[in-house]
C-alpha cells in the first residue's frame, strides 16, 4: 500500500526543521537484528617490524562505536524518533559497552545475554585515517536465547509503529519468518535490510533494501536498466512485498514496485570518505518516514540526503536533522 504524503515544507530551514521534528518525534520504531561493537585504533606507522615485513603501528587513540543494528538504532534516534532495539550480546565488556552507548543516546535497549556467545566486535586499525587491518570477533548465539528474543519481540510489537529488521548474517534472526508474520498480522509495516541470497525468508515484508551487489547476488548479473526493472519487478511479486529499494552507489537509489514502475533519486555530489554504515542510514530514514506517513518520493529524498552526509564521515555514523534539513528538497 502506497502511503500519502503529510509533509508541507515552508520557506526557511528553521521552519522546515521544526516541521520534520514534529513529524518524527512521535514515531516509534522497533529494531531487531545483529548488533556489534565497532572498535577503532588510531596511530602512526614509522617503521617495519624486524620480525616480519609488516608495518608497526604505535596506537595513540582508541574509540568504540555501535555497529550493525545498533548503528541503525542510533540513526533513528538522530532523526528524532523513538527507538527500541532488540538483540543478543555476550556476557562481556563489548556487550556492556554497547548497552551504555545505546542508553546514553536515548534508545531503549533490550539486549538478551548469551553466556556462551561473544558480542560481535569489529576491530579496525588505522593510520592517518587509512585502514590497515580489520579483525572480526564473533560467535553466534544459542537457539534458546533466540527463542527468548522472539518472545520479547512479540511483547514489544504492539507499541511499535514500524518494525525494522537489520540482518547482518550473524545468526540473531533465526526466527525472522515468525517475526514478519507477527508484524503482518498486527498490521505493522516491516522493512528489512537483507543479507545473503535467501531473500525468501523476507517474504511478505513491506520493503527490502539491498544494495546493487546484494541484489545481483540474488537475481544474477544485470544486462542493463531494463533488465534491472524486470528482475526487480519479478522479485517483488515472488516475495509478495510492496516495494524494493536498491541503493546504487554513485547512481543514487531506485525504488521499484510490483507494477513495473519505479522512483529514482540521483546521488548528490559529495566527497565520499567511508561508505560503511550508509545502508544503516538509508533503512533508518525509510522506516521513520514510513511511520510518519511520508510519500515514497519524499522518503527516498530523505534517505538519499542522509546517506550522502554519512559517507563523508569515518566509519559507522549518523546524520542529524540539523545536517539533513538544509540539504533536503521536498518541494
Protein backbone atom coordinates (compact mmCIF):
# COMPACT_ATOMS: atom_id res chain seq x y z
CA UNK A 1 0.00 0.00 0.00
CA UNK A 2 1.43 3.37 -1.01
CA UNK A 3 1.13 5.91 1.77
CA UNK A 4 0.16 9.55 1.31
CA UNK A 5 2.47 12.46 1.92
CA UNK A 6 1.70 14.54 5.01
CA UNK A 7 4.67 16.94 4.79
CA UNK A 8 4.27 20.51 3.62
CA UNK A 9 7.54 22.42 3.65
CA UNK A 10 7.56 26.15 4.19
CA UNK A 11 10.18 28.78 3.46
CA UNK A 12 13.25 28.74 5.72
CA UNK A 13 15.30 25.82 7.02
CA UNK A 14 14.48 26.54 10.69
CA UNK A 15 10.77 26.21 9.99
CA UNK A 16 11.41 23.07 7.97
CA UNK A 17 13.38 21.50 10.79
CA UNK A 18 10.59 22.15 13.28
CA UNK A 19 8.12 20.66 10.82
CA UNK A 20 10.12 17.46 10.40
CA UNK A 21 10.91 17.20 14.11
CA UNK A 22 7.20 17.39 14.86
CA UNK A 23 6.51 14.67 12.29
CA UNK A 24 9.17 12.33 13.64
CA UNK A 25 9.11 12.83 17.41
CA UNK A 26 6.09 10.57 17.96
CA UNK A 27 7.32 7.78 15.66
CA UNK A 28 8.11 4.52 17.47
CA UNK A 29 10.48 2.09 15.75
CA UNK A 30 11.22 -1.45 16.87
CA UNK A 31 14.63 -2.52 15.54
CA UNK A 32 15.55 -6.20 15.57
CA UNK A 33 18.83 -7.58 14.30
CA UNK A 34 22.51 -8.27 14.75
CA UNK A 35 24.36 -5.76 16.91
CA UNK A 36 28.11 -5.32 17.06
CA UNK A 37 30.72 -3.09 18.60
CA UNK A 38 33.00 -1.22 16.20
CA UNK A 39 36.42 -0.59 17.74
CA UNK A 40 38.91 1.79 16.16
CA UNK A 41 42.59 2.00 16.97
CA UNK A 42 44.27 5.10 15.57
CA UNK A 43 48.02 5.55 15.38
CA UNK A 44 51.05 6.22 13.22
CA UNK A 45 53.32 3.91 11.27
CA UNK A 46 57.00 4.87 11.29
CA UNK A 47 58.80 1.56 10.85
CA UNK A 48 58.57 -2.01 9.61
CA UNK A 49 58.69 -4.88 12.08
CA UNK A 50 62.02 -6.77 12.27
CA UNK A 51 60.02 -9.96 12.88
CA UNK A 52 58.11 -9.85 9.57
CA UNK A 53 57.64 -7.42 6.65
CA UNK A 54 54.63 -5.73 8.25
CA UNK A 55 54.14 -2.16 9.50
CA UNK A 56 54.31 -1.43 13.20
CA UNK A 57 51.62 0.97 14.38
CA UNK A 58 52.02 3.00 17.54
CA UNK A 59 48.42 3.22 18.81
CA UNK A 60 47.71 6.62 20.29
CA UNK A 61 43.92 6.74 20.40
CA UNK A 62 41.01 4.30 20.52
CA UNK A 63 37.28 4.67 20.02
CA UNK A 64 34.21 2.46 20.39
CA UNK A 65 31.01 2.86 18.37
CA UNK A 66 27.77 0.97 17.99
CA UNK A 67 27.64 -1.05 14.78
CA UNK A 68 25.19 -3.22 12.87
CA UNK A 69 21.61 -2.98 14.12
CA UNK A 70 22.87 -0.78 16.96
CA UNK A 71 24.02 1.81 14.42
CA UNK A 72 20.59 1.60 12.82
CA UNK A 73 19.07 2.46 16.19
CA UNK A 74 21.44 5.43 16.58
CA UNK A 75 20.41 6.72 13.15
CA UNK A 76 16.75 6.52 14.13
CA UNK A 77 17.44 8.44 17.33
CA UNK A 78 19.39 11.05 15.33
CA UNK A 79 16.23 11.66 13.29
CA UNK A 80 14.35 12.42 16.50
CA UNK A 81 12.23 9.26 16.57
CA UNK A 82 11.81 6.86 19.48
CA UNK A 83 13.57 3.52 19.18
CA UNK A 84 13.56 0.16 20.92
CA UNK A 85 16.39 -2.19 19.96
CA UNK A 86 16.09 -5.94 20.44
CA UNK A 87 19.15 -8.14 20.03
CA UNK A 88 21.53 -10.61 21.67
CA UNK A 89 25.01 -9.99 23.10
CA UNK A 90 27.55 -11.98 25.02
CA UNK A 91 28.27 -11.52 28.71
CA UNK A 92 31.36 -9.44 28.02
CA UNK A 93 32.78 -5.93 28.05
CA UNK A 94 31.74 -5.33 24.44
CA UNK A 95 28.10 -6.07 25.25
CA UNK A 96 28.17 -3.76 28.25
CA UNK A 97 29.80 -1.02 26.16
CA UNK A 98 27.04 -1.34 23.56
CA UNK A 99 24.33 -1.10 26.20
CA UNK A 100 25.89 2.07 27.58
CA UNK A 101 26.22 3.72 24.15
CA UNK A 102 22.59 2.95 23.33
CA UNK A 103 21.18 4.09 26.66
CA UNK A 104 23.13 7.35 26.51
CA UNK A 105 21.57 8.04 23.10
CA UNK A 106 18.01 7.72 24.41
CA UNK A 107 17.42 4.29 22.89
CA UNK A 108 15.65 1.53 24.81
CA UNK A 109 17.98 -1.48 24.53
CA UNK A 110 16.61 -4.97 25.10
CA UNK A 111 19.80 -6.98 24.87
CA UNK A 112 19.42 -10.62 25.82
CA UNK A 113 22.67 -12.06 27.16
CA UNK A 114 24.01 -15.39 25.91
CA UNK A 115 26.55 -16.73 28.37
CA UNK A 116 28.16 -18.91 25.71
CA UNK A 117 28.38 -16.39 22.86
CA UNK A 118 30.58 -13.39 22.19
CA UNK A 119 29.35 -9.94 21.31
CA UNK A 120 30.41 -9.38 17.70
CA UNK A 121 33.34 -6.97 17.58
CA UNK A 122 34.95 -5.45 14.50
CA UNK A 123 38.37 -4.01 15.25
CA UNK A 124 39.77 -1.58 12.69
CA UNK A 125 43.34 -0.35 12.87
CA UNK A 126 44.01 2.94 11.08
CA UNK A 127 46.97 5.16 10.38
CA UNK A 128 46.34 8.67 9.04
CA UNK A 129 42.70 7.62 8.59
CA UNK A 130 43.72 4.78 6.25
CA UNK A 131 42.53 1.35 7.35
CA UNK A 132 45.43 -1.08 7.68
CA UNK A 133 43.64 -4.09 9.11
CA UNK A 134 40.25 -5.31 10.31
CA UNK A 135 39.85 -8.17 12.78
CA UNK A 136 36.42 -9.71 13.50
CA UNK A 137 35.50 -11.48 16.73
CA UNK A 138 32.17 -13.34 16.70
CA UNK A 139 30.32 -16.42 17.86
CA UNK A 140 26.61 -16.96 17.04
CA UNK A 141 24.02 -17.05 19.85
CA UNK A 142 22.30 -20.23 21.02
CA UNK A 143 18.77 -21.15 19.93
CA UNK A 144 17.42 -20.96 23.49
CA UNK A 145 18.37 -17.29 23.72
CA UNK A 146 16.96 -16.61 20.25
CA UNK A 147 13.64 -18.11 21.36
CA UNK A 148 13.61 -15.60 24.20
CA UNK A 149 14.30 -12.89 21.63
CA UNK A 150 11.15 -13.91 19.74
CA UNK A 151 9.09 -13.71 22.93
CA UNK A 152 10.45 -10.22 23.64
CA UNK A 153 9.64 -9.23 20.06
CA UNK A 154 6.02 -10.34 20.42
CA UNK A 155 5.76 -8.42 23.70
CA UNK A 156 7.10 -5.16 22.25
CA UNK A 157 5.44 -5.33 18.83
CA UNK A 158 2.13 -3.68 19.85
CA UNK A 159 3.94 -0.48 20.89
CA UNK A 160 5.74 -0.05 17.53
CA UNK A 161 4.60 1.99 14.54
CA UNK A 162 7.07 0.24 12.24
CA UNK A 163 9.44 -2.73 12.53
CA UNK A 164 12.95 -2.61 11.10
CA UNK A 165 14.90 -5.83 10.57
CA UNK A 166 18.68 -5.31 10.32
CA UNK A 167 20.18 -8.58 9.10
CA UNK A 168 23.97 -8.78 9.23
CA UNK A 169 24.06 -12.57 8.94
CA UNK A 170 25.42 -13.11 12.47
CA UNK A 171 22.75 -15.62 13.49
CA UNK A 172 20.50 -13.38 15.57
CA UNK A 173 17.47 -13.61 13.25
CA UNK A 174 16.73 -17.32 13.42
CA UNK A 175 13.01 -16.59 13.89
CA UNK A 176 12.70 -13.90 11.22
CA UNK A 177 9.81 -15.59 9.41
CA UNK A 178 7.75 -15.69 12.60
CA UNK A 179 8.64 -12.06 13.27
CA UNK A 180 7.46 -10.93 9.85
CA UNK A 181 4.27 -12.98 10.16
CA UNK A 182 3.53 -11.44 13.55
CA UNK A 183 4.08 -7.92 12.23
CA UNK A 184 1.82 -8.53 9.22
CA UNK A 185 -0.90 -9.99 11.45
CA UNK A 186 -0.65 -6.93 13.72
CA UNK A 187 -0.85 -4.53 10.77
CA UNK A 188 2.68 -3.19 11.37
CA UNK A 189 4.81 -2.20 8.35
CA UNK A 190 8.08 -4.11 8.35
CA UNK A 191 11.21 -3.04 6.46
CA UNK A 192 14.23 -5.31 6.00
CA UNK A 193 17.91 -4.65 5.29
CA UNK A 194 18.77 -8.08 3.85
CA UNK A 195 21.82 -10.31 3.89
CA UNK A 196 22.79 -13.37 1.88
CA UNK A 197 20.99 -14.92 -1.08
CA UNK A 198 17.91 -16.35 0.62
CA UNK A 199 15.53 -13.43 0.20
CA UNK A 200 12.57 -15.84 0.52
CA UNK A 201 12.90 -15.53 4.29
CA UNK A 202 11.83 -11.87 3.93
CA UNK A 203 8.58 -12.69 2.11
CA UNK A 204 5.55 -10.52 2.98
CA UNK A 205 7.63 -7.64 4.36
CA UNK A 206 6.63 -4.16 3.21
CA UNK A 207 10.01 -3.34 1.71
CA UNK A 208 13.56 -4.71 1.49
CA UNK A 209 16.61 -2.54 0.84
CA UNK A 210 19.54 -4.40 -0.79
CA UNK A 211 22.45 -2.62 -2.39
CA UNK A 212 23.14 -3.36 -6.04
CA UNK A 213 25.74 -6.06 -5.30
CA UNK A 214 23.40 -7.85 -2.89
CA UNK A 215 20.58 -7.63 -5.45
CA UNK A 216 22.74 -9.17 -8.20
CA UNK A 217 23.78 -12.00 -5.88
CA UNK A 218 20.09 -12.97 -5.73
CA UNK A 219 18.90 -12.35 -9.32
CA UNK A 220 22.15 -12.68 -11.29
CA UNK A 221 24.27 -10.14 -13.15
CA UNK A 222 22.26 -7.37 -14.81
CA UNK A 223 22.33 -6.68 -18.53
CA UNK A 224 21.21 -3.08 -18.20
CA UNK A 225 18.49 -0.83 -16.82
CA UNK A 226 15.59 -2.71 -18.43
CA UNK A 227 16.87 -6.00 -17.03
CA UNK A 228 17.13 -4.39 -13.58
CA UNK A 229 13.49 -3.26 -13.73
CA UNK A 230 12.28 -6.66 -14.93
CA UNK A 231 14.19 -8.60 -12.29
CA UNK A 232 13.18 -6.21 -9.52
CA UNK A 233 9.52 -6.49 -10.52
CA UNK A 234 9.72 -10.30 -10.65
CA UNK A 235 11.38 -10.44 -7.22
CA UNK A 236 8.76 -8.16 -5.68
CA UNK A 237 5.96 -10.36 -6.98
CA UNK A 238 7.68 -13.58 -5.91
CA UNK A 239 8.32 -12.33 -2.38
CA UNK A 240 4.90 -10.66 -2.10
CA UNK A 241 6.44 -7.42 -0.87
CA UNK A 242 5.24 -3.90 -1.59
CA UNK A 243 8.49 -2.44 -2.92
CA UNK A 244 12.21 -2.98 -3.38
CA UNK A 245 14.74 -0.22 -2.71
CA UNK A 246 18.08 -0.77 -4.47
CA UNK A 247 20.93 1.51 -3.40
CA UNK A 248 23.27 2.03 -6.36
CA UNK A 249 26.30 3.93 -5.08
CA UNK A 250 27.19 6.89 -7.30
CA UNK A 251 24.00 6.26 -9.28
CA UNK A 252 21.81 7.05 -6.28
CA UNK A 253 18.93 4.77 -5.36
CA UNK A 254 15.84 3.37 -7.05
CA UNK A 255 12.53 2.23 -5.54
CA UNK A 256 10.73 -0.43 -7.58
CA UNK A 257 7.12 -1.60 -7.39
CA UNK A 258 5.33 -4.74 -8.49
CA UNK A 259 3.56 -3.00 -11.36
CA UNK A 260 6.88 -2.25 -13.06
CA UNK A 261 7.04 1.42 -12.06
CA UNK A 262 9.94 2.99 -10.19
CA UNK A 263 11.08 6.17 -8.47
CA UNK A 264 14.71 7.20 -8.92
CA UNK A 265 16.80 9.54 -6.79
CA UNK A 266 20.16 10.70 -8.11
CA UNK A 267 23.15 10.73 -5.81
CA UNK A 268 24.30 14.16 -4.75
CA UNK A 269 27.87 15.19 -5.45
CA UNK A 270 29.78 14.76 -2.19
CA UNK A 271 33.23 13.76 -1.06
CA UNK A 272 32.94 10.06 -0.21
CA UNK A 273 35.11 9.20 2.77
CA UNK A 274 33.67 5.91 4.03
CA UNK A 275 30.60 4.02 2.77
CA UNK A 276 30.41 1.65 5.74
CA UNK A 277 27.14 2.12 7.59
CA UNK A 278 25.43 4.05 4.78
CA UNK A 279 22.89 1.24 4.40
CA UNK A 280 22.01 1.63 8.08
CA UNK A 281 21.24 5.28 7.49
CA UNK A 282 19.11 4.54 4.42
CA UNK A 283 16.87 1.97 6.07
CA UNK A 284 16.53 4.10 9.23
CA UNK A 285 15.30 7.06 7.21
CA UNK A 286 12.90 4.81 5.29
CA UNK A 287 11.42 3.36 8.46
CA UNK A 288 10.92 6.71 10.18
CA UNK A 289 9.47 8.35 7.07
CA UNK A 290 7.12 5.41 6.51
CA UNK A 291 5.79 5.56 10.05
CA UNK A 292 5.37 9.35 9.75
CA UNK A 293 3.20 8.91 6.64
CA UNK A 294 5.60 10.40 4.11
CA UNK A 295 5.21 9.64 0.42
CA UNK A 296 7.62 7.24 -1.26
CA UNK A 297 9.20 10.13 -3.15
CA UNK A 298 9.86 12.17 -0.01
CA UNK A 299 11.03 9.07 1.86
CA UNK A 300 13.56 8.44 -0.89
CA UNK A 301 14.84 12.02 -0.82
CA UNK A 302 15.28 11.87 2.95
CA UNK A 303 17.20 8.60 2.75
CA UNK A 304 19.38 9.82 -0.12
CA UNK A 305 20.23 13.08 1.63
CA UNK A 306 21.05 11.39 4.95
CA UNK A 307 23.22 8.74 3.24
CA UNK A 308 25.09 11.46 1.35
CA UNK A 309 26.02 13.03 4.66
CA UNK A 310 27.24 9.89 6.45
CA UNK A 311 29.51 8.73 3.60
CA UNK A 312 31.53 11.86 4.29
CA UNK A 313 32.27 10.62 7.82
CA UNK A 314 34.58 7.93 9.17
CA UNK A 315 33.03 4.56 9.95
CA UNK A 316 29.50 3.89 11.14
CA UNK A 317 27.95 7.32 11.59
CA UNK A 318 24.64 9.16 11.82
CA UNK A 319 23.09 12.20 10.18
CA UNK A 320 21.16 14.61 12.37
CA UNK A 321 18.19 16.70 11.28
CA UNK A 322 20.38 19.79 11.69
CA UNK A 323 22.62 18.39 8.96
CA UNK A 324 19.87 16.95 6.76
CA UNK A 325 17.29 19.74 6.58
CA UNK A 326 19.46 22.39 4.82
CA UNK A 327 20.25 19.85 2.07
CA UNK A 328 16.77 18.30 1.83
CA UNK A 329 14.46 19.25 -1.03
CA UNK A 330 10.84 18.16 -0.52
CA UNK A 331 9.20 20.64 -2.91
